[in-house]
Protein backbone atom coordinates (compact mmCIF):
# COMPACT_ATOMS: atom_id res chain seq x y z
CA UNK A 1 0.01 0.07 -0.34
CA UNK A 2 1.84 3.30 -1.21
CA UNK A 3 0.09 5.49 1.76
CA UNK A 4 -1.07 5.11 4.84
CA UNK A 5 -4.91 3.47 4.99
CA UNK A 6 -7.88 4.66 6.80
CA UNK A 7 -7.93 2.41 9.50
CA UNK A 8 -5.66 -0.77 10.65
CA UNK A 9 -8.77 -3.09 11.22
CA UNK A 10 -12.22 -2.66 9.63
CA UNK A 11 -14.82 -4.96 11.75
CA UNK A 12 -17.92 -5.61 9.77
CA UNK A 13 -20.76 -6.63 12.20
CA UNK A 14 -21.02 -6.02 16.46
CA UNK A 15 -22.36 -9.11 17.67
CA UNK A 16 -20.30 -11.26 20.13
CA UNK A 17 -17.46 -11.99 18.19
CA UNK A 18 -16.99 -8.24 16.63
CA UNK A 19 -17.42 -6.76 19.80
CA UNK A 20 -14.50 -8.38 21.09
CA UNK A 21 -12.40 -7.97 18.00
CA UNK A 22 -13.20 -3.85 18.65
CA UNK A 23 -12.07 -4.11 21.86
CA UNK A 24 -8.80 -6.09 22.09
CA UNK A 25 -7.30 -4.55 18.79
CA UNK A 26 -8.02 -1.04 20.12
CA UNK A 27 -6.59 -2.29 23.71
CA UNK A 28 -3.35 -3.25 20.89
CA UNK A 29 -2.78 0.47 19.77
CA UNK A 30 -4.75 -0.47 16.34
CA UNK A 31 -7.46 2.12 14.83
CA UNK A 32 -10.46 0.29 14.30
CA UNK A 33 -13.51 0.80 12.76
CA UNK A 34 -16.27 -0.81 13.09
CA UNK A 35 -19.15 -1.22 10.62
CA UNK A 36 -22.93 -2.10 11.74
CA UNK A 37 -26.06 -3.02 9.11
CA UNK A 38 -28.53 -2.19 12.20
CA UNK A 39 -29.00 0.59 13.86
CA UNK A 40 -27.51 1.64 17.45
CA UNK A 41 -30.47 1.80 19.73
CA UNK A 42 -31.01 3.19 22.93
CA UNK A 43 -33.62 2.11 25.83
CA UNK A 44 -36.13 4.01 24.71
CA UNK A 45 -36.25 2.87 21.22
CA UNK A 46 -37.02 -0.63 22.06
CA UNK A 47 -40.65 -1.63 21.91
CA UNK A 48 -42.55 -2.40 25.04
CA UNK A 49 -44.35 -5.77 23.63
CA UNK A 50 -43.53 -7.68 20.39
CA UNK A 51 -46.90 -6.44 19.02
CA UNK A 52 -45.12 -3.24 18.06
CA UNK A 53 -43.59 -4.71 14.38
CA UNK A 54 -41.92 -1.76 13.29
CA UNK A 55 -39.69 -1.48 16.37
CA UNK A 56 -39.39 -4.80 16.64
CA UNK A 57 -38.24 -6.51 13.59
CA UNK A 58 -35.64 -6.25 11.04
CA UNK A 59 -37.76 -6.08 7.78
CA UNK A 60 -35.87 -3.10 5.42
CA UNK A 61 -38.95 -3.96 2.26
CA UNK A 62 -41.39 -3.12 4.72
CA UNK A 63 -39.33 0.39 6.60
CA UNK A 64 -39.17 -2.12 9.64
CA UNK A 65 -36.10 -1.21 10.77
CA UNK A 66 -35.98 -2.93 14.69
CA UNK A 67 -33.77 -5.52 15.46
CA UNK A 68 -35.17 -9.04 15.44
CA UNK A 69 -34.66 -10.88 12.16
CA UNK A 70 -36.49 -13.60 11.41
CA UNK A 71 -36.00 -15.72 8.28
CA UNK A 72 -37.17 -18.88 6.21
CA UNK A 73 -35.27 -21.54 4.49
CA UNK A 74 -36.29 -25.23 3.06
CA UNK A 75 -34.59 -27.13 6.21
CA UNK A 76 -34.76 -24.21 8.91
CA UNK A 77 -36.59 -21.12 10.23
CA UNK A 78 -33.67 -18.71 11.75
CA UNK A 79 -34.30 -16.13 14.83
CA UNK A 80 -31.37 -13.68 14.97
CA UNK A 81 -30.80 -10.13 16.09
CA UNK A 82 -29.54 -7.30 13.96
CA UNK A 83 -28.18 -3.54 15.67
CA UNK A 84 -25.06 -2.72 17.24
CA UNK A 85 -24.51 -5.04 19.88
CA UNK A 86 -25.92 -7.79 17.78
CA UNK A 87 -27.54 -11.05 18.96
CA UNK A 88 -26.96 -9.79 22.40
CA UNK A 89 -30.03 -7.29 21.69
CA UNK A 90 -31.92 -10.37 21.21
CA UNK A 91 -30.82 -13.54 23.04
CA UNK A 92 -31.90 -15.02 26.10
CA UNK A 93 -28.58 -13.77 28.56
CA UNK A 94 -27.35 -17.64 29.04
CA UNK A 95 -23.98 -18.85 29.25
CA UNK A 96 -23.10 -21.78 29.68
CA UNK A 97 -20.05 -23.31 28.36
CA UNK A 98 -20.56 -26.54 26.93
CA UNK A 99 -19.97 -30.20 28.01
CA UNK A 100 -17.00 -32.33 26.47
CA UNK A 101 -18.52 -33.38 23.39
CA UNK A 102 -18.79 -30.45 21.69
CA UNK A 103 -14.49 -29.56 22.62
CA UNK A 104 -13.89 -33.56 21.26
CA UNK A 105 -15.96 -33.26 18.49
CA UNK A 106 -13.99 -34.80 15.40
CA UNK A 107 -15.33 -31.96 12.98
CA UNK A 108 -12.70 -29.83 14.71
CA UNK A 109 -11.17 -31.81 17.57
CA UNK A 110 -7.82 -32.97 15.14
CA UNK A 111 -7.03 -28.93 14.55
CA UNK A 112 -6.27 -28.59 18.43
CA UNK A 113 -7.12 -29.76 22.39
CA UNK A 114 -10.29 -27.16 22.20
CA UNK A 115 -11.00 -27.78 25.96
CA UNK A 116 -7.51 -26.77 27.04
CA UNK A 117 -6.60 -23.85 24.37
CA UNK A 118 -10.35 -21.93 25.50
CA UNK A 119 -9.52 -23.10 29.58
CA UNK A 120 -8.43 -19.34 29.77
CA UNK A 121 -10.96 -17.44 28.01
CA UNK A 122 -14.30 -18.80 29.20
CA UNK A 123 -13.46 -17.33 32.46
CA UNK A 124 -12.13 -14.34 30.84
CA UNK A 125 -15.32 -13.87 28.67
CA UNK A 126 -17.84 -14.51 31.67
CA UNK A 127 -16.55 -12.04 33.61
CA UNK A 128 -16.53 -9.29 30.61
CA UNK A 129 -20.22 -10.25 29.95
CA UNK A 130 -20.85 -10.46 33.60
CA UNK A 131 -22.32 -13.63 34.19
CA UNK A 132 -23.69 -14.07 37.48
CA UNK A 133 -26.31 -16.82 38.57
CA UNK A 134 -30.19 -16.25 37.98
CA UNK A 135 -31.07 -15.32 42.33
CA UNK A 136 -34.64 -16.54 41.50
CA UNK A 137 -36.79 -19.59 40.49
CA UNK A 138 -40.00 -18.62 38.84
CA UNK A 139 -43.40 -20.34 38.12
CA UNK A 140 -41.54 -21.79 34.79
CA UNK A 141 -38.55 -22.94 36.29
CA UNK A 142 -40.38 -24.56 39.26
CA UNK A 143 -42.58 -26.39 36.72
CA UNK A 144 -39.16 -27.86 35.10
CA UNK A 145 -37.10 -28.70 38.67
CA UNK A 146 -40.83 -30.88 39.15
CA UNK A 147 -40.33 -32.68 35.72
CA UNK A 148 -36.64 -33.01 36.53
CA UNK A 149 -38.03 -34.81 39.70
CA UNK A 150 -40.34 -36.75 37.70
CA UNK A 151 -37.64 -38.04 35.31
CA UNK A 152 -35.08 -39.04 37.98
CA UNK A 153 -32.94 -36.21 37.31
CA UNK A 154 -33.35 -33.64 39.64
CA UNK A 155 -29.45 -33.29 40.47
CA UNK A 156 -28.97 -32.19 36.79
CA UNK A 157 -31.74 -29.20 37.12
CA UNK A 158 -29.51 -25.75 37.98
CA UNK A 159 -30.23 -22.28 37.58
CA UNK A 160 -28.61 -20.20 34.66
CA UNK A 161 -25.57 -18.16 34.63
CA UNK A 162 -26.89 -14.67 33.33
CA UNK A 163 -25.42 -11.64 31.87
CA UNK A 164 -27.86 -10.05 34.04
CA UNK A 165 -27.19 -7.15 36.53
CA UNK A 166 -29.12 -8.17 39.95
CA UNK A 167 -28.84 -4.80 41.83
CA UNK A 168 -31.62 -3.08 43.30
CA UNK A 169 -34.56 -3.46 40.69
CA UNK A 170 -34.64 0.05 39.10
CA UNK A 171 -32.15 1.63 41.01
CA UNK A 172 -28.79 3.40 38.42
CA UNK A 173 -25.60 2.78 40.08
CA UNK A 174 -22.01 3.50 39.41
CA UNK A 175 -20.57 1.02 36.77
CA UNK A 176 -20.50 -2.97 38.65
CA UNK A 177 -18.28 -4.59 36.39
CA UNK A 178 -15.81 -2.38 35.21
CA UNK A 179 -13.91 -0.59 38.23
CA UNK A 180 -16.12 2.32 37.29
CA UNK A 181 -14.93 2.25 33.52
CA UNK A 182 -17.66 0.87 32.29
CA UNK A 183 -21.37 2.72 32.13
CA UNK A 184 -23.76 3.42 35.31
CA UNK A 185 -26.44 -0.08 35.65
CA UNK A 186 -29.75 -0.26 36.80
CA UNK A 187 -31.15 -3.57 38.81
CA UNK A 188 -33.20 -6.08 37.41
CA UNK A 189 -36.69 -6.08 37.55
CA UNK A 190 -37.46 -9.17 36.79
CA UNK A 191 -40.24 -7.97 33.84
CA UNK A 192 -39.07 -11.27 31.43
CA UNK A 193 -38.72 -8.47 28.58
CA UNK A 194 -35.13 -9.57 27.65
CA UNK A 195 -35.44 -10.49 24.05
CA UNK A 196 -37.61 -7.82 23.27
CA UNK A 197 -34.68 -5.54 24.21
CA UNK A 198 -34.03 -4.14 27.80
CA UNK A 199 -35.66 -1.04 28.42
CA UNK A 200 -34.32 -0.76 32.06
CA UNK A 201 -30.65 -1.03 31.73
CA UNK A 202 -30.00 -4.17 33.49
CA UNK A 203 -29.43 -6.47 30.84
CA UNK A 204 -25.32 -6.64 29.71
CA UNK A 205 -25.71 -6.28 26.16
CA UNK A 206 -22.30 -5.57 24.28
CA UNK A 207 -22.95 -1.92 24.17
CA UNK A 208 -22.75 -2.06 27.95
CA UNK A 209 -19.43 -3.73 28.01
CA UNK A 210 -16.93 -4.58 25.04
CA UNK A 211 -18.66 -2.02 22.78
CA UNK A 212 -18.73 0.64 25.30
CA UNK A 213 -14.76 0.20 26.79
CA UNK A 214 -13.75 0.13 22.86
CA UNK A 215 -15.11 3.30 22.17
CA UNK A 216 -12.82 4.70 24.74
CA UNK A 217 -10.08 3.36 23.37
CA UNK A 218 -10.58 5.13 20.04
CA UNK A 219 -12.41 2.59 18.22
CA UNK A 220 -15.07 3.98 15.62
CA UNK A 221 -18.38 2.68 15.08
CA UNK A 222 -20.50 3.62 12.18
CA UNK A 223 -24.16 1.72 12.60
CA UNK A 224 -26.50 1.27 9.65
CA UNK A 225 -23.86 0.51 7.01
CA UNK A 226 -23.76 -2.51 4.93
CA UNK A 227 -20.71 -3.69 3.35
CA UNK A 228 -21.08 -4.39 -0.21
CA UNK A 229 -17.45 -5.13 -1.31
CA UNK A 230 -13.76 -5.59 -0.30
CA UNK A 231 -10.97 -5.39 -2.47
CA UNK A 232 -7.46 -5.78 -2.24
CA UNK A 233 -5.13 -3.44 -3.04
CA UNK A 234 -2.00 -3.83 -4.19
CA UNK A 235 -1.32 -7.76 -3.97
CA UNK A 236 -4.09 -9.94 -4.39
CA UNK A 237 -3.44 -12.02 -1.36
CA UNK A 238 -4.65 -8.80 0.65
CA UNK A 239 -1.23 -7.89 1.90
CA UNK A 240 -1.46 -4.76 1.01
CA UNK A 241 -4.93 -3.99 2.21
CA UNK A 242 -8.23 -3.43 1.23
CA UNK A 243 -10.54 -1.41 0.48
CA UNK A 244 -14.08 -1.98 1.87
CA UNK A 245 -17.09 -0.24 0.00
CA UNK A 246 -20.73 -0.20 2.29
CA UNK A 247 -24.26 2.25 1.97
CA UNK A 248 -26.05 3.19 4.19
CA UNK A 249 -28.72 0.13 4.95
CA UNK A 250 -31.62 1.65 5.83
CA UNK A 251 -31.73 4.42 3.13
CA UNK A 252 -33.39 4.00 -0.16
CA UNK A 253 -30.52 6.01 -1.86
CA UNK A 254 -27.61 3.68 -1.75
CA UNK A 255 -24.67 6.40 -2.09
CA UNK A 256 -21.46 3.93 -1.81
CA UNK A 257 -18.82 5.02 0.69
CA UNK A 258 -15.61 3.37 0.60
CA UNK A 259 -12.68 3.34 3.39
CA UNK A 260 -8.97 1.52 3.51
CA UNK A 261 -7.74 -0.68 6.07
CA UNK A 262 -4.87 -3.30 6.62
CA UNK A 263 -6.97 -5.87 8.23
CA UNK A 264 -10.69 -7.35 7.97
CA UNK A 265 -12.94 -9.09 10.61
CA UNK A 266 -16.03 -10.66 9.43
CA UNK A 267 -18.47 -10.40 12.12
CA UNK A 268 -22.15 -10.23 10.69
CA UNK A 269 -22.78 -13.69 11.93
CA UNK A 270 -23.91 -16.85 10.04
CA UNK A 271 -26.59 -14.64 7.90
CA UNK A 272 -24.24 -11.92 7.87
CA UNK A 273 -21.20 -13.28 6.86
CA UNK A 274 -21.91 -16.19 4.29
CA UNK A 275 -23.89 -13.68 1.71
CA UNK A 276 -21.15 -11.77 1.82
CA UNK A 277 -18.59 -13.98 1.12
CA UNK A 278 -19.95 -15.99 -1.37
CA UNK A 279 -20.86 -12.67 -3.24
CA UNK A 280 -16.86 -11.67 -2.81
CA UNK A 281 -15.78 -15.47 -3.77
CA UNK A 282 -17.41 -14.46 -7.37
CA UNK A 283 -15.65 -11.00 -7.55
CA UNK A 284 -12.68 -9.53 -5.48
CA UNK A 285 -12.00 -12.54 -3.32
CA UNK A 286 -11.94 -15.17 -5.82
CA UNK A 287 -9.05 -16.87 -3.33
CA UNK A 288 -12.00 -17.75 -0.85
CA UNK A 289 -12.12 -21.37 0.51
CA UNK A 290 -14.57 -23.53 -1.79
CA UNK A 291 -15.97 -24.93 1.95
CA UNK A 292 -17.86 -21.52 1.99
CA UNK A 293 -21.43 -22.46 3.60
CA UNK A 294 -20.39 -25.97 4.22
CA UNK A 295 -20.58 -27.39 8.03
CA UNK A 296 -23.68 -24.88 9.54
CA UNK A 297 -25.20 -25.76 12.28
CA UNK A 298 -28.80 -25.84 14.38
CA UNK A 299 -27.84 -27.23 17.84
CA UNK A 300 -30.68 -30.05 16.72
CA UNK A 301 -33.16 -27.67 18.60
CA UNK A 302 -36.95 -27.86 19.02
CA UNK A 303 -39.04 -24.64 19.69
CA UNK A 304 -42.61 -25.37 21.51
CA UNK A 305 -44.96 -23.82 23.95
CA UNK A 306 -47.39 -24.91 26.78
CA UNK A 307 -50.16 -22.54 27.03
CA UNK A 308 -51.88 -23.08 30.57
CA UNK A 309 -55.89 -22.86 31.58
CA UNK A 310 -54.75 -22.34 35.27
CA UNK A 311 -55.74 -17.99 35.14
CA UNK A 312 -53.79 -17.76 38.36
CA UNK A 313 -50.24 -18.67 36.61
CA UNK A 314 -47.54 -16.25 35.59
CA UNK A 315 -45.02 -17.08 33.42
CA UNK A 316 -44.06 -13.97 32.25
CA UNK A 317 -42.22 -12.76 35.20
CA UNK A 318 -38.23 -13.50 35.51
CA UNK A 319 -35.27 -13.12 33.06
CA UNK A 320 -35.62 -14.54 29.68
CA UNK A 321 -34.60 -17.97 30.37
CA UNK A 322 -33.83 -19.02 34.16
CA UNK A 323 -32.58 -22.58 34.42
CA UNK A 324 -32.23 -25.57 32.44
CA UNK A 325 -32.19 -29.18 32.90
CA UNK A 326 -29.53 -31.80 31.25
CA UNK A 327 -31.87 -34.24 30.46
CA UNK A 328 -29.04 -36.60 29.36
CA UNK A 329 -25.72 -36.37 28.06
CA UNK A 330 -26.68 -35.13 24.46
CA UNK A 331 -29.50 -32.94 25.34
CA UNK A 332 -31.00 -29.93 27.62
CA UNK A 333 -34.22 -28.30 28.35
CA UNK A 334 -35.08 -24.70 29.26
CA UNK A 335 -38.16 -22.52 29.83
CA UNK A 336 -38.23 -19.22 27.96
CA UNK A 337 -39.94 -16.42 28.64
CA UNK A 338 -41.48 -12.92 27.07
CA UNK A 339 -42.79 -10.23 29.17
CA UNK A 340 -46.73 -9.23 29.91
CA UNK A 341 -48.36 -8.26 26.41
CA UNK A 342 -45.62 -9.75 23.97
CA UNK A 343 -48.81 -12.22 22.44
CA UNK A 344 -47.07 -11.90 18.69
CA UNK A 345 -46.46 -15.41 18.67
CA UNK A 346 -49.99 -16.45 19.14
CA UNK A 347 -50.48 -15.94 15.55
CA UNK A 348 -47.74 -18.56 14.49
CA UNK A 349 -48.62 -21.66 16.66
CA UNK A 350 -51.14 -24.74 16.55
CA UNK A 351 -51.22 -27.67 18.60
CA UNK A 352 -48.29 -29.83 18.75
CA UNK A 353 -48.27 -32.71 16.73
CA UNK A 354 -46.37 -34.65 14.79
CA UNK A 355 -46.34 -36.91 11.77
CA UNK A 356 -44.33 -38.69 8.59
CA UNK A 357 -45.77 -36.05 6.39
CA UNK A 358 -47.87 -32.58 6.36
CA UNK A 359 -50.82 -34.78 5.14
CA UNK A 360 -50.81 -36.76 8.08
CA UNK A 361 -49.97 -33.49 10.55
CA UNK A 362 -52.76 -31.61 8.86
CA UNK A 363 -55.29 -34.42 9.96
CA UNK A 364 -53.63 -34.69 13.09
CA UNK A 365 -54.30 -30.91 13.34
CA UNK A 366 -57.57 -30.95 12.47
CA UNK A 367 -58.65 -34.04 15.05
CA UNK A 368 -57.26 -32.44 17.77
CA UNK A 369 -59.17 -29.12 16.66
CA UNK A 370 -62.49 -31.08 16.39
CA UNK A 371 -61.77 -33.32 19.50
CA UNK A 372 -61.12 -30.23 21.96
CA UNK A 373 -62.44 -26.94 20.74
CA UNK A 374 -63.04 -25.21 23.69
CA UNK A 375 -59.05 -25.84 24.86
CA UNK A 376 -58.30 -24.45 21.45
CA UNK A 377 -60.13 -21.61 21.70
CA UNK A 378 -59.10 -20.76 25.09
CA UNK A 379 -55.14 -21.29 24.09
CA UNK A 380 -55.49 -18.76 20.66
CA UNK A 381 -57.81 -16.29 22.89
CA UNK A 382 -55.77 -16.45 25.94
CA UNK A 383 -56.34 -12.63 27.17
CA UNK A 384 -52.10 -12.31 27.82
CA UNK A 385 -50.15 -14.83 26.17
CA UNK A 386 -46.80 -14.15 27.20
CA UNK A 387 -48.33 -14.55 31.13
CA UNK A 388 -50.24 -17.52 30.32
CA UNK A 389 -47.66 -19.47 28.28
CA UNK A 390 -43.96 -21.51 28.36
CA UNK A 391 -42.16 -21.68 25.89
CA UNK A 392 -39.74 -24.44 25.94
CA UNK A 393 -36.33 -24.59 24.08
CA UNK A 394 -34.78 -28.36 23.69
CA UNK A 395 -31.16 -28.44 22.25
CA UNK A 396 -28.92 -31.52 21.55
CA UNK A 397 -25.23 -31.70 20.83
CA UNK A 398 -25.96 -34.48 18.14
CA UNK A 399 -24.11 -33.54 15.27
CA UNK A 400 -25.76 -32.99 11.72
CA UNK A 401 -24.98 -30.27 9.09
CA UNK A 402 -26.97 -28.34 6.42
CA UNK A 403 -24.83 -26.76 3.40
CA UNK A 404 -25.68 -23.24 2.62
CA UNK A 405 -25.22 -21.95 -0.59
CA UNK A 406 -26.08 -18.60 -2.47
CA UNK A 407 -29.70 -17.89 -4.68
CA UNK A 408 -31.17 -15.44 -6.56
CA UNK A 409 -33.33 -14.28 -3.24
CA UNK A 410 -30.28 -15.02 -0.46
CA UNK A 411 -29.00 -17.88 1.07
CA UNK A 412 -30.40 -21.63 0.36
CA UNK A 413 -30.05 -24.60 2.48
CA UNK A 414 -29.31 -28.51 1.47
CA UNK A 415 -28.81 -31.62 3.61
CA UNK A 416 -24.97 -32.06 4.10
CA UNK A 417 -24.63 -34.87 6.55
CA UNK A 418 -26.45 -36.91 9.47
CA UNK A 419 -30.12 -36.43 10.10
CA UNK A 420 -31.84 -33.91 8.89
CA UNK A 421 -33.10 -30.61 11.43
CA UNK A 422 -36.41 -32.08 12.53
CA UNK A 423 -39.14 -30.31 14.29
CA UNK A 424 -40.52 -34.20 15.71
CA UNK A 425 -37.93 -35.11 18.13
CA UNK A 426 -39.96 -37.69 20.04
CA UNK A 427 -37.26 -36.81 23.13
CA UNK A 428 -38.51 -33.49 23.43
CA UNK A 429 -42.23 -33.87 22.73
CA UNK A 430 -42.37 -36.64 25.52
CA UNK A 431 -40.76 -33.90 28.21
CA UNK A 432 -43.41 -31.35 26.61
CA UNK A 433 -46.25 -33.05 27.07
CA UNK A 434 -44.99 -34.16 30.37
CA UNK A 435 -44.53 -30.79 31.42
CA UNK A 436 -48.12 -29.35 30.03
CA UNK A 437 -49.92 -31.72 32.61
CA UNK A 438 -47.50 -30.41 35.21
CA UNK A 439 -48.65 -26.37 34.45
CA UNK A 440 -52.28 -27.89 33.37
CA UNK A 441 -51.74 -26.69 29.84
CA UNK A 442 -51.61 -27.76 25.99
CA UNK A 443 -48.89 -28.09 24.05
CA UNK A 444 -48.77 -26.13 20.82
CA UNK A 445 -45.92 -25.73 17.93
CA UNK A 446 -45.10 -22.77 15.00
CA UNK A 447 -47.27 -23.35 12.22
CA UNK A 448 -43.64 -23.96 9.91
CA UNK A 449 -43.13 -26.79 11.89
CA UNK A 450 -46.84 -28.16 12.14
CA UNK A 451 -47.15 -28.07 8.30
CA UNK A 452 -43.60 -28.07 6.93
CA UNK A 453 -41.94 -29.80 9.68
CA UNK A 454 -39.47 -26.91 9.20
CA UNK A 455 -37.79 -26.66 13.07
CA UNK A 456 -36.62 -23.41 14.62
CA UNK A 457 -33.34 -22.21 15.64
CA UNK A 458 -31.76 -19.14 17.54
CA UNK A 459 -28.50 -20.59 17.05
CA UNK A 460 -27.52 -21.11 13.65
CA UNK A 461 -23.73 -21.80 13.78
CA UNK A 462 -20.66 -22.56 10.83
CA UNK A 463 -20.56 -22.01 7.51
CA UNK A 464 -16.91 -20.73 7.62
CA UNK A 465 -15.66 -23.45 9.53
CA UNK A 466 -12.44 -24.10 10.97
CA UNK A 467 -9.26 -26.77 8.85
CA UNK A 468 -6.51 -28.08 8.29
CA UNK A 469 -6.15 -26.29 4.83
CA UNK A 470 -8.34 -24.36 2.13
CA UNK A 471 -9.23 -27.99 1.23
CA UNK A 472 -10.89 -28.16 4.66
CA UNK A 473 -12.49 -25.13 5.65
CA UNK A 474 -12.71 -21.42 5.50
CA UNK A 475 -10.42 -20.49 8.31
CA UNK A 476 -7.24 -21.89 10.23
CA UNK A 477 -7.55 -22.67 14.01
CA UNK A 478 -6.72 -19.17 15.06
CA UNK A 479 -10.10 -17.96 12.96
CA UNK A 480 -7.52 -16.37 9.97
CA UNK A 481 -8.69 -16.79 6.47
CA UNK A 482 -7.43 -19.17 3.97
CA UNK A 483 -5.90 -17.48 1.11
CA UNK A 484 -5.52 -13.76 2.54
CA UNK A 485 -3.33 -11.72 4.60
CA UNK A 486 -4.59 -10.09 7.64
CA UNK A 487 -8.71 -11.55 7.42
CA UNK A 488 -10.22 -13.03 9.92
CA UNK A 489 -13.88 -14.61 11.16
CA UNK A 490 -15.07 -14.12 14.14
CA UNK A 491 -18.96 -15.01 14.97
CA UNK A 492 -20.96 -17.69 14.81
CA UNK A 493 -20.21 -18.84 11.57
CA UNK A 494 -16.69 -20.07 12.78
CA UNK A 495 -18.08 -22.24 15.48
CA UNK A 496 -17.17 -25.81 13.80
CA UNK A 497 -19.30 -28.24 16.46
CA UNK A 498 -22.61 -28.22 17.84
CA UNK A 499 -22.05 -27.31 21.19
CA UNK A 500 -25.61 -28.33 21.90
CA UNK A 501 -26.33 -24.74 24.52
CA UNK A 502 -26.52 -21.25 23.88
CA UNK A 503 -23.38 -20.30 21.55
CA UNK A 504 -22.74 -16.65 22.94
CA UNK A 505 -20.40 -17.56 25.60
CA UNK A 506 -18.01 -19.94 23.63
CA UNK A 507 -18.28 -17.48 20.19
CA UNK A 508 -16.95 -14.78 22.81
CA UNK A 509 -14.59 -17.22 24.16
CA UNK A 510 -13.06 -18.19 20.46
CA UNK A 511 -13.10 -14.85 19.17
CA UNK A 512 -11.20 -13.79 22.63
CA UNK A 513 -8.62 -16.50 21.56
CA UNK A 514 -8.28 -15.36 18.17
CA UNK A 515 -7.46 -11.80 19.11
CA UNK A 516 -4.96 -12.60 21.36
CA UNK A 517 -2.73 -14.30 18.93
CA UNK A 518 -2.40 -10.74 16.98
CA UNK A 519 0.30 -8.60 18.40
CA UNK A 520 0.63 -5.33 20.16
CA UNK A 521 0.52 -2.58 17.41
CA UNK A 522 4.41 -1.91 16.72
């Protein structure tokens, strides 16, 4: 590069990986710019309930610029976050360390002893994210504990470690996490609104830790910036730097801007990083691996709900996920809650049924509606859906994968290895039915699952996995992109095995490790 670049590193995306990169690179003296497609939101910008679609959902075609994105594919429906702070804006705050199966998975265990490699970075990530044990047992948690006793797993039930400040409810205090270097915080009031944006300054979103501290170190952040191109300057391997082009994501007029940089960190998550890399491989970065889009995983999840008929039962109080039950060595069950009034999901729910094809499931659904008309009417017209409905998240570490590729309309999915993701996991359905009996309720599921058999996940992972070389992966074991210099992937797309639990802590820890390999600026 003949002249000094505008930045040393440009980070594309501000989620769990991008935020780590922003802070650690800034601490090492590098000039850092973060480009985030979504908006930068304050507490007052978050909706009171998820019926406020314009503030909640990211649907630019409708001029909805919220922070929650719903994406549909042939094999999976994906829930994800958009905005400054990425997935931390919408996730359920839980920070579990995966079991040994994750670290020992054959998909990446040949690259390193991962449990040992990440040993120092999990505690570091927990400290930065403010991981604290949930102090309260709510109605849905108590029911899960009862279920644990019924199946002989009471010792496998525990309250979750969460990224929440549990001070005095609604009372603001000076920064409690970073020796006064962080922002003032307010204690959690257990409203249950974590996933529709915390309006009370209690949730430890990334704008309150990594990004906040990075800004104090000089990091610059440009929200509403969608990257469209990355071109090497000088030599084709990027060793002379890159020119990054972007435009304003919320504007009807796509005026192009550009900056130059020595290095690039992709941190847009699976649904942000993969489409960009597919496009770049066909144009300005042809040397990228052919493995882009391979080994996409879903945590083998099942999302269902149970609506109670007991008018005195309240499921909406607490944090988004307050407890977890490890039902066997591969599987986990968690109760998920929304705040009172957030009943949008009722529009997409139907009785939980299963069957080998949509016709069989339709028959079972109609039979259920005819056999239990009063029950189904009570479920659909329940006065406060979030208060009366306990969502249940079932996850597994069992290994199967999809392959994503580019289509005219974005990404498309195909089966790659193992069993196809399914909305009808027998163990999950059996547990849901038992839970329903405990709370005097009826199991329900999303229509996409009932009719199409397509499961829903909030934890889409992989697509830029690690490998020993470019023929095996997109990045090496230190998150460096094969074929190009000073280029990294630090987000969920780099996760190269199935953690079976919320992956946020793991994305953070792996990104911490990757950034630790970069030397201080000379």
